Each structure stands twice: as structure tokens, then as C-alpha cells.
């Protein structure tokens, strides 16, 4: 069974959040929620895609914090 992780990401602008959100959906992230501020998001990821998700967030101009849900 894969471990699940939660990623919290922050961005400079709302467009970057949307770009990252779409890419995370392609990685099959679940529970993607955009922050009220419009400059952050939270998503749940399988262990197999965590590294790629962090790369996607960075490419979109964001920073990411990750912690295990297990």
C-alpha cells in the first residue's frame, strides 16, 4: 500500500495556482483545494508522484511543503 502525502503550495499569482492545479490533476492528485487567498493550494498525493508534483509546483512558480498522512 502506497503512503499518501499532503502537499501545501503557495504561489505569487492566481494564474500560477491554476496552472499547477491542472498539472496536479493530471498526476491524479485528490482533494485539490485552492486557498481562499487565491495564491495557495492543498492536495493529496500518492507516494509514487510526490517528487513529480513538487517539480510541477516549482515549474509553476510555487513553493511546496509536504507531509505524510500515514
C-alpha atoms as a PDB file:
ATOM      1  CA  UNK A   1       0.000   0.000   0.000  1.00  0.00           C
ATOM      2  CA  UNK A   2       1.384   3.384  -1.007  1.00  0.00           C
ATOM      3  CA  UNK A   3       1.764   6.112   1.541  1.00  0.00           C
ATOM      4  CA  UNK A   4      -0.303   9.243   0.941  1.00  0.00           C
ATOM      5  CA  UNK A   5       1.122  12.727   1.282  1.00  0.00           C
ATOM      6  CA  UNK A   6      -0.403  16.155   1.598  1.00  0.00           C
ATOM      7  CA  UNK A   7       1.248  18.978  -0.282  1.00  0.00           C
ATOM      8  CA  UNK A   8       0.692  22.620   0.619  1.00  0.00           C
ATOM      9  CA  UNK A   9       1.868  25.052  -2.021  1.00  0.00           C
ATOM     10  CA  UNK A  10       1.977  28.826  -2.282  1.00  0.00           C
ATOM     11  CA  UNK A  11       2.307  30.982  -5.378  1.00  0.00           C
ATOM     12  CA  UNK A  12       2.760  34.617  -6.377  1.00  0.00           C
ATOM     13  CA  UNK A  13      -0.386  34.745  -8.507  1.00  0.00           C
ATOM     14  CA  UNK A  14      -3.698  33.026  -9.124  1.00  0.00           C
ATOM     15  CA  UNK A  15      -2.743  32.046 -12.693  1.00  0.00           C
ATOM     16  CA  UNK A  16       0.174  30.009 -11.332  1.00  0.00           C
ATOM     17  CA  UNK A  17      -2.160  28.266  -8.899  1.00  0.00           C
ATOM     18  CA  UNK A  18      -4.496  27.278 -11.749  1.00  0.00           C
ATOM     19  CA  UNK A  19      -1.591  26.011 -13.859  1.00  0.00           C
ATOM     20  CA  UNK A  20      -0.314  23.846 -11.011  1.00  0.00           C
ATOM     21  CA  UNK A  21      -3.832  22.642 -10.198  1.00  0.00           C
ATOM     22  CA  UNK A  22      -4.361  21.364 -13.742  1.00  0.00           C
ATOM     23  CA  UNK A  23      -0.997  19.604 -13.764  1.00  0.00           C
ATOM     24  CA  UNK A  24      -1.646  18.013 -10.365  1.00  0.00           C
ATOM     25  CA  UNK A  25      -4.986  16.746 -11.656  1.00  0.00           C
ATOM     26  CA  UNK A  26      -3.093  15.056 -14.483  1.00  0.00           C
ATOM     27  CA  UNK A  27      -0.948  13.352 -11.817  1.00  0.00           C
ATOM     28  CA  UNK A  28      -4.198  12.136 -10.225  1.00  0.00           C
ATOM     29  CA  UNK A  29      -3.871  14.204  -7.092  1.00  0.00           C
ATOM     30  CA  UNK A  30      -7.031  14.090  -4.999  1.00  0.00           C
ATOM     31  CA  UNK A  31      -8.729  16.589  -2.773  1.00  0.00           C
ATOM     32  CA  UNK A  32      -7.205  19.602  -4.516  1.00  0.00           C
ATOM     33  CA  UNK A  33      -8.376  22.712  -2.721  1.00  0.00           C
ATOM     34  CA  UNK A  34      -7.449  26.268  -3.641  1.00  0.00           C
ATOM     35  CA  UNK A  35      -6.884  28.564  -0.698  1.00  0.00           C
ATOM     36  CA  UNK A  36      -9.219  31.475  -0.020  1.00  0.00           C
ATOM     37  CA  UNK A  37      -6.355  33.844  -0.761  1.00  0.00           C
ATOM     38  CA  UNK A  38      -6.181  32.536  -4.352  1.00  0.00           C
ATOM     39  CA  UNK A  39      -2.427  32.097  -4.004  1.00  0.00           C
ATOM     40  CA  UNK A  40      -2.228  28.649  -2.422  1.00  0.00           C
ATOM     41  CA  UNK A  41      -3.462  25.097  -2.784  1.00  0.00           C
ATOM     42  CA  UNK A  42      -3.515  21.811  -0.926  1.00  0.00           C
ATOM     43  CA  UNK A  43      -3.665  18.348  -2.490  1.00  0.00           C
ATOM     44  CA  UNK A  44      -3.309  14.696  -1.509  1.00  0.00           C
ATOM     45  CA  UNK A  45      -0.849  12.588  -3.497  1.00  0.00           C
ATOM     46  CA  UNK A  46       0.338   9.009  -3.696  1.00  0.00           C
ATOM     47  CA  UNK A  47       3.958   8.412  -2.820  1.00  0.00           C
ATOM     48  CA  UNK A  48       4.742   7.473  -6.427  1.00  0.00           C
ATOM     49  CA  UNK A  49       4.086  11.012  -7.716  1.00  0.00           C
ATOM     50  CA  UNK A  50       5.281  13.241  -4.859  1.00  0.00           C
ATOM     51  CA  UNK A  51       8.599  14.150  -6.479  1.00  0.00           C
ATOM     52  CA  UNK A  52       6.934  14.954  -9.788  1.00  0.00           C
ATOM     53  CA  UNK A  53       4.271  17.036  -8.023  1.00  0.00           C
ATOM     54  CA  UNK A  54       6.922  19.138  -6.294  1.00  0.00           C
ATOM     55  CA  UNK A  55       8.629  19.660  -9.648  1.00  0.00           C
ATOM     56  CA  UNK A  56       5.303  20.743 -11.218  1.00  0.00           C
ATOM     57  CA  UNK A  57       4.702  23.222  -8.393  1.00  0.00           C
ATOM     58  CA  UNK A  58       8.192  24.694  -8.750  1.00  0.00           C
ATOM     59  CA  UNK A  59       7.840  24.938 -12.538  1.00  0.00           C
ATOM     60  CA  UNK A  60       4.591  26.827 -11.968  1.00  0.00           C
ATOM     61  CA  UNK A  61       6.397  29.324  -9.739  1.00  0.00           C
ATOM     62  CA  UNK A  62       5.387  27.941  -6.370  1.00  0.00           C
ATOM     63  CA  UNK A  63       6.955  26.538  -3.247  1.00  0.00           C
ATOM     64  CA  UNK A  64       5.797  23.311  -1.626  1.00  0.00           C
ATOM     65  CA  UNK A  65       5.653  21.786   1.820  1.00  0.00           C
ATOM     66  CA  UNK A  66       4.916  18.072   2.131  1.00  0.00           C
ATOM     67  CA  UNK A  67       3.975  15.795   4.986  1.00  0.00           C
ATOM     68  CA  UNK A  68       2.921  12.157   5.260  1.00  0.00           C
ATOM     69  CA  UNK A  69      -0.679  11.328   6.064  1.00  0.00           C
ATOM     70  CA  UNK A  70       0.224   7.821   7.242  1.00  0.00           C
END
